[in-house]
């Protein structure tokens, strides 16, 4: 199951989130995005990306939740039936939003440290430290509301025969996000995002 899940999450990033993020970065948004997949068959229900140029609260995860709850109630799946995929480890606001929206899980690709070190966006860790006095990784990754984990952990548990291909795909995703991060950093002075 770990192999099937890891491949489905990589597919969601490559084919659903990244195209939206490329367009979002071209408009001046950050590189964060998310997708919701059905637990039953791992199909993508919805993908979104950061839209902070419209509203500074529309982080990738929160914007995804906004769009999810805009779906007609009679066609919207129950959050308990879904996997929440976040491109980057959620910030404190997004952690709370995922919780309030009723999701019992999330998986992330890039860590908070990646956001700070590779993407030059240190706000997640700074807010966790300044507001909540939490060091990196200091929140409970498994609690009464949800369980979280990283794609790196999921890939590490994959069958050795398929792990190399997953790692190759993950590296290609990392390279594309590095390119998008460079584009965002070069243009961020032109946007009005408060914490850019």
N, C-alpha and C. Protein backbone atom coordinates (compact mmCIF):
# COMPACT_ATOMS: atom_id res chain seq x y z
N UNK A 1 0.83 -1.21 0.00
CA UNK A 1 0.00 0.00 0.00
C UNK A 1 0.86 1.26 0.00
N UNK A 2 2.03 1.22 0.68
CA UNK A 2 2.89 2.40 0.71
C UNK A 2 3.33 2.79 -0.69
N UNK A 3 3.64 1.80 -1.54
CA UNK A 3 4.07 2.09 -2.91
C UNK A 3 2.95 2.75 -3.70
N UNK A 4 1.75 2.19 -3.61
CA UNK A 4 0.61 2.72 -4.35
C UNK A 4 0.29 4.14 -3.89
N UNK A 5 0.31 4.36 -2.59
CA UNK A 5 0.03 5.69 -2.06
C UNK A 5 1.10 6.68 -2.47
N UNK A 6 2.37 6.31 -2.32
CA UNK A 6 3.46 7.23 -2.70
C UNK A 6 3.36 7.61 -4.17
N UNK A 7 3.10 6.65 -5.04
CA UNK A 7 2.98 6.94 -6.46
C UNK A 7 1.78 7.84 -6.75
N UNK A 8 0.66 7.61 -6.07
CA UNK A 8 -0.52 8.46 -6.27
C UNK A 8 -0.25 9.89 -5.82
N UNK A 9 0.47 10.06 -4.71
CA UNK A 9 0.78 11.40 -4.23
C UNK A 9 1.77 12.09 -5.15
N UNK A 10 2.75 11.37 -5.65
CA UNK A 10 3.68 11.95 -6.63
C UNK A 10 2.93 12.36 -7.90
N UNK A 11 2.01 11.49 -8.37
CA UNK A 11 1.18 11.84 -9.54
C UNK A 11 0.39 13.11 -9.29
N UNK A 12 -0.20 13.22 -8.10
CA UNK A 12 -1.01 14.41 -7.79
C UNK A 12 -0.15 15.66 -7.83
N UNK A 13 1.06 15.57 -7.32
CA UNK A 13 1.95 16.74 -7.37
C UNK A 13 2.33 17.08 -8.80
N UNK A 14 2.75 16.06 -9.56
CA UNK A 14 3.22 16.30 -10.93
C UNK A 14 2.12 16.78 -11.86
N UNK A 15 0.95 16.15 -11.78
CA UNK A 15 -0.09 16.37 -12.79
C UNK A 15 -1.21 17.31 -12.38
N UNK A 16 -1.33 17.58 -11.09
CA UNK A 16 -2.45 18.41 -10.62
C UNK A 16 -1.98 19.69 -9.93
N UNK A 17 -1.08 19.55 -8.96
CA UNK A 17 -0.66 20.74 -8.21
C UNK A 17 0.33 21.58 -8.99
N UNK A 18 1.36 20.95 -9.55
CA UNK A 18 2.42 21.72 -10.23
C UNK A 18 1.90 22.61 -11.36
N UNK A 19 1.00 22.13 -12.23
CA UNK A 19 0.49 23.04 -13.28
C UNK A 19 -0.19 24.29 -12.70
N UNK A 20 -0.95 24.10 -11.62
CA UNK A 20 -1.60 25.25 -10.98
C UNK A 20 -0.57 26.17 -10.33
N UNK A 21 0.46 25.60 -9.74
CA UNK A 21 1.49 26.39 -9.06
C UNK A 21 2.32 27.17 -10.07
N UNK A 22 2.61 26.59 -11.22
CA UNK A 22 3.33 27.34 -12.27
C UNK A 22 2.55 28.60 -12.63
N UNK A 23 1.25 28.45 -12.83
CA UNK A 23 0.41 29.61 -13.18
C UNK A 23 0.33 30.58 -12.00
N UNK A 24 0.23 30.06 -10.78
CA UNK A 24 0.16 30.92 -9.60
C UNK A 24 1.43 31.73 -9.40
N UNK A 25 2.57 31.11 -9.55
CA UNK A 25 3.84 31.81 -9.40
C UNK A 25 3.98 32.88 -10.48
N UNK A 26 3.52 32.59 -11.67
CA UNK A 26 3.56 33.59 -12.76
C UNK A 26 2.74 34.83 -12.41
N UNK A 27 1.72 34.67 -11.56
CA UNK A 27 0.90 35.81 -11.11
C UNK A 27 1.48 36.47 -9.87
N UNK A 28 2.53 35.88 -9.25
CA UNK A 28 3.15 36.48 -8.07
C UNK A 28 2.94 35.73 -6.77
N UNK A 29 2.28 34.58 -6.83
CA UNK A 29 2.02 33.80 -5.61
C UNK A 29 3.22 32.94 -5.23
N UNK A 30 3.20 32.48 -3.97
CA UNK A 30 4.21 31.55 -3.48
C UNK A 30 3.99 30.17 -4.08
N UNK A 31 4.90 29.25 -3.74
CA UNK A 31 4.95 27.93 -4.38
C UNK A 31 4.13 26.84 -3.67
N UNK A 32 3.39 27.17 -2.64
CA UNK A 32 2.70 26.16 -1.85
C UNK A 32 1.39 25.72 -2.49
N UNK A 33 1.09 24.43 -2.40
CA UNK A 33 -0.15 23.90 -2.96
C UNK A 33 -0.62 22.68 -2.18
N UNK A 34 -1.77 22.15 -2.59
CA UNK A 34 -2.34 20.98 -1.91
C UNK A 34 -3.28 20.24 -2.84
N UNK A 35 -3.57 19.01 -2.48
CA UNK A 35 -4.55 18.20 -3.21
C UNK A 35 -5.27 17.29 -2.23
N UNK A 36 -6.48 16.91 -2.60
CA UNK A 36 -7.28 15.98 -1.83
C UNK A 36 -7.50 14.74 -2.69
N UNK A 37 -7.20 13.57 -2.13
CA UNK A 37 -7.35 12.31 -2.84
C UNK A 37 -8.29 11.40 -2.06
N UNK A 38 -9.05 10.61 -2.77
CA UNK A 38 -9.93 9.64 -2.13
C UNK A 38 -9.10 8.50 -1.53
N UNK A 39 -9.40 8.15 -0.29
CA UNK A 39 -8.73 7.01 0.32
C UNK A 39 -9.07 5.71 -0.41
N UNK A 40 -10.27 5.64 -0.94
CA UNK A 40 -10.76 4.39 -1.55
C UNK A 40 -10.01 4.00 -2.81
N UNK A 41 -9.74 4.97 -3.69
CA UNK A 41 -9.10 4.63 -4.97
C UNK A 41 -7.93 5.55 -5.33
N UNK A 42 -7.59 6.48 -4.44
CA UNK A 42 -6.46 7.41 -4.61
C UNK A 42 -6.64 8.37 -5.78
N UNK A 43 -7.87 8.56 -6.23
CA UNK A 43 -8.13 9.54 -7.29
C UNK A 43 -8.13 10.94 -6.70
N UNK A 44 -7.74 11.91 -7.50
CA UNK A 44 -7.70 13.30 -7.06
C UNK A 44 -9.10 13.91 -7.13
N UNK A 45 -9.54 14.45 -6.03
CA UNK A 45 -10.83 15.13 -5.95
C UNK A 45 -10.66 16.60 -6.30
N UNK A 46 -9.57 17.20 -5.81
CA UNK A 46 -9.36 18.63 -5.97
C UNK A 46 -7.89 18.94 -5.75
N UNK A 47 -7.37 19.88 -6.50
CA UNK A 47 -6.03 20.40 -6.26
C UNK A 47 -6.11 21.92 -6.36
N UNK A 48 -5.26 22.58 -5.60
CA UNK A 48 -5.21 24.04 -5.63
C UNK A 48 -3.79 24.47 -5.31
N UNK A 49 -3.59 25.78 -5.40
CA UNK A 49 -2.29 26.37 -5.11
C UNK A 49 -2.49 27.66 -4.34
N UNK A 50 -1.40 28.20 -3.88
CA UNK A 50 -1.39 29.44 -3.12
C UNK A 50 -2.03 30.56 -3.94
N UNK A 51 -2.82 31.39 -3.26
CA UNK A 51 -3.45 32.54 -3.92
C UNK A 51 -3.38 33.76 -3.00
N UNK A 52 -2.19 33.99 -2.42
CA UNK A 52 -2.02 35.08 -1.47
C UNK A 52 -2.13 36.46 -2.11
N UNK A 53 -1.95 36.57 -3.43
CA UNK A 53 -2.12 37.90 -4.02
C UNK A 53 -3.57 38.34 -3.99
N UNK A 54 -4.50 37.39 -3.88
CA UNK A 54 -5.91 37.74 -3.71
C UNK A 54 -6.24 37.99 -2.24
N UNK A 55 -5.69 37.12 -1.36
CA UNK A 55 -5.97 37.21 0.07
C UNK A 55 -4.80 36.55 0.79
N UNK A 56 -4.13 37.23 1.71
CA UNK A 56 -2.96 36.63 2.37
C UNK A 56 -3.27 35.37 3.16
N UNK A 57 -4.55 35.07 3.38
CA UNK A 57 -4.92 33.84 4.07
C UNK A 57 -5.03 32.65 3.12
N UNK A 58 -5.00 32.91 1.81
CA UNK A 58 -5.18 31.81 0.86
C UNK A 58 -3.87 31.07 0.62
N UNK A 59 -3.31 30.53 1.69
CA UNK A 59 -2.17 29.62 1.56
C UNK A 59 -2.65 28.43 0.74
N UNK A 60 -1.73 27.63 0.24
CA UNK A 60 -2.12 26.50 -0.59
C UNK A 60 -3.16 25.61 0.06
N UNK A 61 -2.96 25.28 1.33
CA UNK A 61 -3.88 24.40 2.04
C UNK A 61 -5.23 25.08 2.28
N UNK A 62 -5.20 26.32 2.74
CA UNK A 62 -6.45 27.02 3.05
C UNK A 62 -7.24 27.31 1.77
N UNK A 63 -6.53 27.65 0.69
CA UNK A 63 -7.21 27.88 -0.58
C UNK A 63 -7.85 26.59 -1.08
N UNK A 64 -7.18 25.47 -0.87
CA UNK A 64 -7.75 24.17 -1.24
C UNK A 64 -9.02 23.91 -0.42
N UNK A 65 -8.96 24.18 0.88
CA UNK A 65 -10.13 23.98 1.73
C UNK A 65 -11.27 24.91 1.33
N UNK A 66 -10.94 26.13 0.98
CA UNK A 66 -11.97 27.08 0.50
C UNK A 66 -12.69 26.49 -0.70
N UNK A 67 -11.91 26.04 -1.68
CA UNK A 67 -12.49 25.46 -2.91
C UNK A 67 -13.28 24.17 -2.60
N UNK A 68 -12.75 23.38 -1.67
CA UNK A 68 -13.43 22.14 -1.29
C UNK A 68 -14.81 22.45 -0.73
N UNK A 69 -14.91 23.43 0.17
CA UNK A 69 -16.20 23.75 0.78
C UNK A 69 -17.09 24.60 -0.12
N UNK A 70 -16.57 25.01 -1.26
CA UNK A 70 -17.42 25.64 -2.29
C UNK A 70 -18.10 24.59 -3.17
N UNK A 71 -17.65 23.34 -3.10
CA UNK A 71 -18.30 22.27 -3.84
C UNK A 71 -19.71 22.07 -3.28
N UNK A 72 -20.66 21.70 -4.13
CA UNK A 72 -22.01 21.43 -3.62
C UNK A 72 -21.96 20.35 -2.54
N UNK A 73 -22.67 20.58 -1.47
CA UNK A 73 -22.64 19.67 -0.32
C UNK A 73 -23.02 18.25 -0.71
N UNK A 74 -23.94 18.10 -1.68
CA UNK A 74 -24.39 16.75 -2.04
C UNK A 74 -23.37 15.98 -2.89
N UNK A 75 -22.33 16.67 -3.39
CA UNK A 75 -21.29 15.98 -4.16
C UNK A 75 -19.93 16.03 -3.46
N UNK A 76 -19.84 16.79 -2.40
CA UNK A 76 -18.57 16.93 -1.68
C UNK A 76 -18.34 15.72 -0.78
N UNK A 77 -17.19 15.04 -0.94
CA UNK A 77 -16.92 13.89 -0.07
C UNK A 77 -16.74 14.31 1.39
N UNK A 78 -16.92 13.38 2.27
CA UNK A 78 -16.65 13.59 3.69
C UNK A 78 -15.13 13.68 3.86
N UNK A 79 -14.62 14.66 4.59
CA UNK A 79 -13.17 14.76 4.80
C UNK A 79 -12.54 13.47 5.34
N UNK A 80 -13.29 12.70 6.11
CA UNK A 80 -12.76 11.44 6.65
C UNK A 80 -12.45 10.43 5.55
N UNK A 81 -13.01 10.64 4.36
CA UNK A 81 -12.79 9.74 3.22
C UNK A 81 -11.60 10.16 2.36
N UNK A 82 -10.91 11.24 2.77
CA UNK A 82 -9.89 11.84 1.91
C UNK A 82 -8.51 11.85 2.54
N UNK A 83 -7.52 11.87 1.67
CA UNK A 83 -6.12 12.08 2.04
C UNK A 83 -5.80 13.53 1.71
N UNK A 84 -5.20 14.23 2.65
CA UNK A 84 -4.81 15.62 2.43
C UNK A 84 -3.32 15.65 2.11
N UNK A 85 -2.99 16.08 0.91
CA UNK A 85 -1.59 16.21 0.47
C UNK A 85 -1.23 17.68 0.43
N UNK A 86 -0.17 18.04 1.11
CA UNK A 86 0.35 19.40 1.12
C UNK A 86 1.76 19.39 0.53
N UNK A 87 2.02 20.30 -0.38
CA UNK A 87 3.37 20.32 -0.96
C UNK A 87 4.41 20.63 0.10
N UNK A 88 4.07 21.50 1.04
CA UNK A 88 5.00 21.91 2.10
C UNK A 88 4.35 21.65 3.45
N UNK A 89 5.14 21.33 4.43
CA UNK A 89 4.63 21.09 5.77
C UNK A 89 3.80 22.31 6.19
N UNK A 90 2.55 22.10 6.58
CA UNK A 90 1.66 23.22 6.84
C UNK A 90 2.12 24.14 7.97
N UNK A 91 1.87 25.43 7.77
CA UNK A 91 2.14 26.42 8.82
C UNK A 91 1.09 26.27 9.91
N UNK A 92 1.21 27.04 10.96
CA UNK A 92 0.28 26.93 12.09
C UNK A 92 -1.16 27.24 11.67
N UNK A 93 -1.36 28.22 10.79
CA UNK A 93 -2.72 28.52 10.33
C UNK A 93 -3.29 27.34 9.56
N UNK A 94 -2.48 26.77 8.68
CA UNK A 94 -2.96 25.66 7.85
C UNK A 94 -3.16 24.39 8.67
N UNK A 95 -2.29 24.17 9.67
CA UNK A 95 -2.51 23.04 10.58
C UNK A 95 -3.88 23.16 11.23
N UNK A 96 -4.20 24.35 11.70
CA UNK A 96 -5.50 24.58 12.34
C UNK A 96 -6.64 24.43 11.34
N UNK A 97 -6.46 24.96 10.14
CA UNK A 97 -7.52 24.87 9.12
C UNK A 97 -7.81 23.42 8.76
N UNK A 98 -6.77 22.62 8.59
CA UNK A 98 -6.96 21.20 8.28
C UNK A 98 -7.74 20.53 9.41
N UNK A 99 -7.42 20.89 10.64
CA UNK A 99 -8.09 20.33 11.80
C UNK A 99 -9.56 20.75 11.82
N UNK A 100 -9.81 22.06 11.71
CA UNK A 100 -11.18 22.58 11.76
C UNK A 100 -12.02 22.04 10.62
N UNK A 101 -11.40 21.74 9.48
CA UNK A 101 -12.15 21.24 8.33
C UNK A 101 -12.48 19.75 8.45
N UNK A 102 -11.96 19.07 9.46
CA UNK A 102 -12.35 17.70 9.72
C UNK A 102 -11.49 16.62 9.09
N UNK A 103 -10.30 16.97 8.63
CA UNK A 103 -9.41 15.96 8.04
C UNK A 103 -8.66 15.22 9.14
N UNK A 104 -8.49 13.92 8.96
CA UNK A 104 -7.82 13.12 9.98
C UNK A 104 -6.38 12.79 9.61
N UNK A 105 -5.87 13.44 8.56
CA UNK A 105 -4.51 13.13 8.09
C UNK A 105 -4.00 14.24 7.19
N UNK A 106 -2.69 14.30 7.05
CA UNK A 106 -2.07 15.02 5.95
C UNK A 106 -0.66 14.48 5.75
N UNK A 107 -0.23 14.56 4.50
CA UNK A 107 1.13 14.18 4.12
C UNK A 107 1.73 15.37 3.41
N UNK A 108 3.00 15.66 3.68
CA UNK A 108 3.66 16.79 3.06
C UNK A 108 4.93 16.34 2.35
N UNK A 109 5.32 17.10 1.32
CA UNK A 109 6.52 16.78 0.54
C UNK A 109 7.75 17.49 1.10
N UNK A 110 7.68 18.80 1.23
CA UNK A 110 8.79 19.60 1.75
C UNK A 110 8.55 19.92 3.23
N UNK A 111 9.60 19.92 4.03
CA UNK A 111 9.50 20.22 5.46
C UNK A 111 9.51 21.73 5.71
N UNK A 112 9.20 22.11 6.94
CA UNK A 112 9.35 23.52 7.35
C UNK A 112 10.77 24.00 7.10
N UNK A 113 11.75 23.15 7.41
CA UNK A 113 13.15 23.54 7.20
C UNK A 113 13.44 23.75 5.73
N UNK A 114 12.83 22.93 4.86
CA UNK A 114 12.97 23.16 3.41
C UNK A 114 12.40 24.52 3.03
N UNK A 115 11.23 24.86 3.59
CA UNK A 115 10.62 26.16 3.28
C UNK A 115 11.56 27.30 3.65
N UNK A 116 12.19 27.15 4.81
CA UNK A 116 13.13 28.18 5.28
C UNK A 116 14.42 28.17 4.47
N UNK A 117 15.03 27.02 4.32
CA UNK A 117 16.39 26.94 3.77
C UNK A 117 16.43 26.89 2.24
N UNK A 118 15.54 26.13 1.62
CA UNK A 118 15.58 25.98 0.17
C UNK A 118 14.71 27.01 -0.55
N UNK A 119 13.69 27.51 0.13
CA UNK A 119 12.75 28.42 -0.53
C UNK A 119 12.82 29.85 0.01
N UNK A 120 13.67 30.09 1.00
CA UNK A 120 13.83 31.42 1.60
C UNK A 120 12.50 31.99 2.10
N UNK A 121 11.68 31.11 2.66
CA UNK A 121 10.40 31.51 3.25
C UNK A 121 10.39 30.96 4.68
N UNK A 122 10.93 31.73 5.64
CA UNK A 122 11.12 31.25 7.01
C UNK A 122 9.93 31.47 7.93
N UNK A 123 8.83 32.01 7.42
CA UNK A 123 7.75 32.48 8.28
C UNK A 123 7.11 31.37 9.10
N UNK A 124 6.97 30.16 8.53
CA UNK A 124 6.33 29.07 9.27
C UNK A 124 7.06 28.80 10.58
N UNK A 125 8.37 28.62 10.49
CA UNK A 125 9.15 28.32 11.69
C UNK A 125 9.21 29.52 12.63
N UNK A 126 9.30 30.71 12.08
CA UNK A 126 9.36 31.91 12.92
C UNK A 126 8.06 32.08 13.70
N UNK A 127 6.92 31.88 13.06
CA UNK A 127 5.63 32.01 13.74
C UNK A 127 5.49 30.92 14.80
N UNK A 128 5.85 29.68 14.45
CA UNK A 128 5.77 28.61 15.45
C UNK A 128 6.61 28.94 16.68
N UNK A 129 7.78 29.53 16.47
CA UNK A 129 8.66 29.86 17.59
C UNK A 129 8.17 31.10 18.35
N UNK A 130 7.86 32.17 17.64
CA UNK A 130 7.50 33.44 18.28
C UNK A 130 6.12 33.40 18.93
N UNK A 131 5.16 32.77 18.29
CA UNK A 131 3.79 32.78 18.80
C UNK A 131 3.53 31.60 19.73
N UNK A 132 4.04 30.43 19.35
CA UNK A 132 3.71 29.21 20.10
C UNK A 132 4.90 28.63 20.87
N UNK A 133 6.05 29.27 20.80
CA UNK A 133 7.30 28.83 21.45
C UNK A 133 7.68 27.39 21.09
N UNK A 134 7.41 27.01 19.85
CA UNK A 134 7.72 25.66 19.38
C UNK A 134 8.96 25.68 18.49
N UNK A 135 9.86 24.77 18.75
CA UNK A 135 11.02 24.59 17.89
C UNK A 135 10.60 23.82 16.65
N UNK A 136 11.43 23.79 15.60
CA UNK A 136 11.08 23.01 14.41
C UNK A 136 10.68 21.59 14.78
N UNK A 137 9.56 21.15 14.21
CA UNK A 137 9.07 19.82 14.51
C UNK A 137 8.41 19.69 15.87
N UNK A 138 8.17 20.80 16.55
CA UNK A 138 7.67 20.77 17.92
C UNK A 138 6.19 20.51 18.07
N UNK A 139 5.43 20.58 16.99
CA UNK A 139 4.02 20.26 17.12
C UNK A 139 3.85 18.73 17.09
N UNK A 140 2.73 18.25 17.59
CA UNK A 140 2.49 16.80 17.67
C UNK A 140 2.03 16.28 16.32
N UNK A 141 2.85 15.48 15.68
CA UNK A 141 2.55 14.98 14.33
C UNK A 141 1.49 13.89 14.34
N UNK A 142 1.18 13.39 15.51
CA UNK A 142 0.10 12.44 15.68
C UNK A 142 -0.64 12.86 16.94
N UNK A 143 -1.93 13.13 16.81
CA UNK A 143 -2.69 13.65 17.95
C UNK A 143 -4.14 13.19 17.84
N UNK A 144 -5.00 13.72 18.67
CA UNK A 144 -6.40 13.29 18.70
C UNK A 144 -7.15 13.66 17.42
N UNK A 145 -6.62 14.60 16.63
CA UNK A 145 -7.32 15.06 15.44
C UNK A 145 -6.82 14.39 14.16
N UNK A 146 -5.48 14.26 14.01
CA UNK A 146 -4.92 13.73 12.77
C UNK A 146 -3.56 13.11 12.98
N UNK A 147 -3.15 12.39 11.93
CA UNK A 147 -1.80 11.85 11.83
C UNK A 147 -1.17 12.51 10.62
N UNK A 148 0.09 12.86 10.75
CA UNK A 148 0.79 13.46 9.62
C UNK A 148 2.07 12.70 9.34
N UNK A 149 2.57 12.89 8.14
CA UNK A 149 3.83 12.26 7.77
C UNK A 149 4.38 12.90 6.52
N UNK A 150 5.63 12.61 6.26
CA UNK A 150 6.28 13.21 5.09
C UNK A 150 6.33 12.21 3.94
N UNK A 151 6.41 12.74 2.74
CA UNK A 151 6.60 11.90 1.56
C UNK A 151 7.91 11.16 1.65
N UNK A 152 8.94 11.78 2.21
CA UNK A 152 10.24 11.12 2.34
C UNK A 152 10.10 9.84 3.18
N UNK A 153 9.33 9.91 4.26
CA UNK A 153 9.10 8.73 5.09
C UNK A 153 8.34 7.65 4.32
N UNK A 154 7.35 8.08 3.55
CA UNK A 154 6.55 7.14 2.76
C UNK A 154 7.41 6.45 1.70
N UNK A 155 8.23 7.22 1.02
CA UNK A 155 9.12 6.65 0.00
C UNK A 155 10.14 5.71 0.63
N UNK A 156 10.63 6.07 1.80
CA UNK A 156 11.61 5.21 2.50
C UNK A 156 11.01 3.85 2.85
N UNK A 157 9.68 3.78 3.05
CA UNK A 157 9.02 2.52 3.37
C UNK A 157 8.63 1.72 2.13
N UNK A 158 8.83 2.30 0.96
CA UNK A 158 8.43 1.63 -0.29
C UNK A 158 9.31 0.42 -0.55
N UNK A 159 8.79 -0.45 -1.39
CA UNK A 159 9.54 -1.63 -1.80
C UNK A 159 10.84 -1.18 -2.48
N UNK A 160 11.96 -1.78 -2.11
CA UNK A 160 13.24 -1.36 -2.70
C UNK A 160 13.26 -1.39 -4.22
N UNK A 161 12.49 -2.28 -4.82
CA UNK A 161 12.46 -2.38 -6.28
C UNK A 161 11.85 -1.14 -6.93
N UNK A 162 10.95 -0.47 -6.25
CA UNK A 162 10.31 0.72 -6.83
C UNK A 162 10.81 2.02 -6.20
N UNK A 163 11.56 1.93 -5.13
CA UNK A 163 12.01 3.12 -4.41
C UNK A 163 12.89 4.03 -5.27
N UNK A 164 13.79 3.47 -6.07
CA UNK A 164 14.69 4.29 -6.89
C UNK A 164 13.90 5.16 -7.87
N UNK A 165 12.86 4.61 -8.49
CA UNK A 165 12.05 5.39 -9.42
C UNK A 165 11.28 6.48 -8.68
N UNK A 166 10.77 6.18 -7.50
CA UNK A 166 10.08 7.20 -6.70
C UNK A 166 11.05 8.32 -6.31
N UNK A 167 12.26 7.95 -5.94
CA UNK A 167 13.25 8.96 -5.57
C UNK A 167 13.63 9.81 -6.78
N UNK A 168 13.69 9.22 -7.95
CA UNK A 168 13.97 9.99 -9.17
C UNK A 168 12.84 11.00 -9.41
N UNK A 169 11.61 10.55 -9.28
CA UNK A 169 10.46 11.44 -9.47
C UNK A 169 10.48 12.56 -8.43
N UNK A 170 10.78 12.21 -7.18
CA UNK A 170 10.84 13.21 -6.11
C UNK A 170 11.91 14.25 -6.41
N UNK A 171 13.05 13.82 -6.91
CA UNK A 171 14.12 14.77 -7.25
C UNK A 171 13.70 15.69 -8.39
N UNK A 172 12.97 15.16 -9.37
CA UNK A 172 12.47 16.00 -10.48
C UNK A 172 11.48 17.03 -9.95
N UNK A 173 10.64 16.63 -9.00
CA UNK A 173 9.70 17.57 -8.38
C UNK A 173 10.47 18.64 -7.61
N UNK A 174 11.49 18.22 -6.86
CA UNK A 174 12.31 19.20 -6.12
C UNK A 174 12.94 20.21 -7.08
N UNK A 175 13.45 19.73 -8.21
CA UNK A 175 14.09 20.63 -9.18
C UNK A 175 13.08 21.63 -9.76
N UNK A 176 11.87 21.16 -10.04
CA UNK A 176 10.85 22.07 -10.57
C UNK A 176 10.44 23.10 -9.53
N UNK A 177 10.31 22.69 -8.28
CA UNK A 177 9.98 23.66 -7.23
C UNK A 177 11.12 24.64 -7.00
N UNK A 178 12.36 24.21 -7.15
CA UNK A 178 13.49 25.14 -7.02
C UNK A 178 13.42 26.21 -8.11
N UNK A 179 13.07 25.79 -9.31
CA UNK A 179 12.93 26.75 -10.42
C UNK A 179 11.78 27.73 -10.13
N UNK A 180 10.66 27.21 -9.66
CA UNK A 180 9.52 28.07 -9.35
C UNK A 180 9.83 29.00 -8.18
N UNK A 181 10.58 28.50 -7.20
CA UNK A 181 10.97 29.35 -6.08
C UNK A 181 11.85 30.50 -6.54
N UNK A 182 12.78 30.22 -7.43
CA UNK A 182 13.63 31.29 -7.98
C UNK A 182 12.78 32.34 -8.67
N UNK A 183 11.80 31.90 -9.45
CA UNK A 183 10.91 32.85 -10.15
C UNK A 183 10.13 33.67 -9.14
N UNK A 184 9.61 33.03 -8.09
CA UNK A 184 8.87 33.77 -7.06
C UNK A 184 9.78 34.79 -6.38
N UNK A 185 10.97 34.37 -5.96
CA UNK A 185 11.88 35.26 -5.26
C UNK A 185 12.25 36.47 -6.12
N UNK A 186 12.43 36.27 -7.40
CA UNK A 186 12.79 37.38 -8.29
C UNK A 186 11.67 38.40 -8.44
N UNK A 187 10.42 37.95 -8.29
CA UNK A 187 9.30 38.87 -8.50
C UNK A 187 8.55 39.27 -7.25
N UNK A 188 8.97 38.79 -6.08
CA UNK A 188 8.15 39.02 -4.88
C UNK A 188 8.08 40.48 -4.45
N UNK A 189 9.03 41.29 -4.83
CA UNK A 189 8.99 42.71 -4.47
C UNK A 189 7.82 43.42 -5.15
N UNK A 190 7.30 42.83 -6.22
CA UNK A 190 6.22 43.45 -6.98
C UNK A 190 4.83 43.07 -6.47
N UNK A 191 4.75 42.17 -5.48
CA UNK A 191 3.42 41.79 -4.99
C UNK A 191 3.16 42.45 -3.62
N UNK A 192 1.94 42.31 -3.15
CA UNK A 192 1.55 42.94 -1.88
C UNK A 192 1.30 41.92 -0.78
N UNK A 193 1.92 40.74 -0.88
CA UNK A 193 1.76 39.71 0.15
C UNK A 193 2.49 40.21 1.40
N UNK A 194 1.80 40.29 2.57
CA UNK A 194 2.43 40.86 3.76
C UNK A 194 3.72 40.16 4.18
N UNK A 195 3.74 38.85 4.27
CA UNK A 195 4.95 38.11 4.64
C UNK A 195 5.47 37.41 3.39
N UNK A 196 6.14 38.18 2.55
CA UNK A 196 6.61 37.57 1.30
C UNK A 196 8.02 37.10 1.44
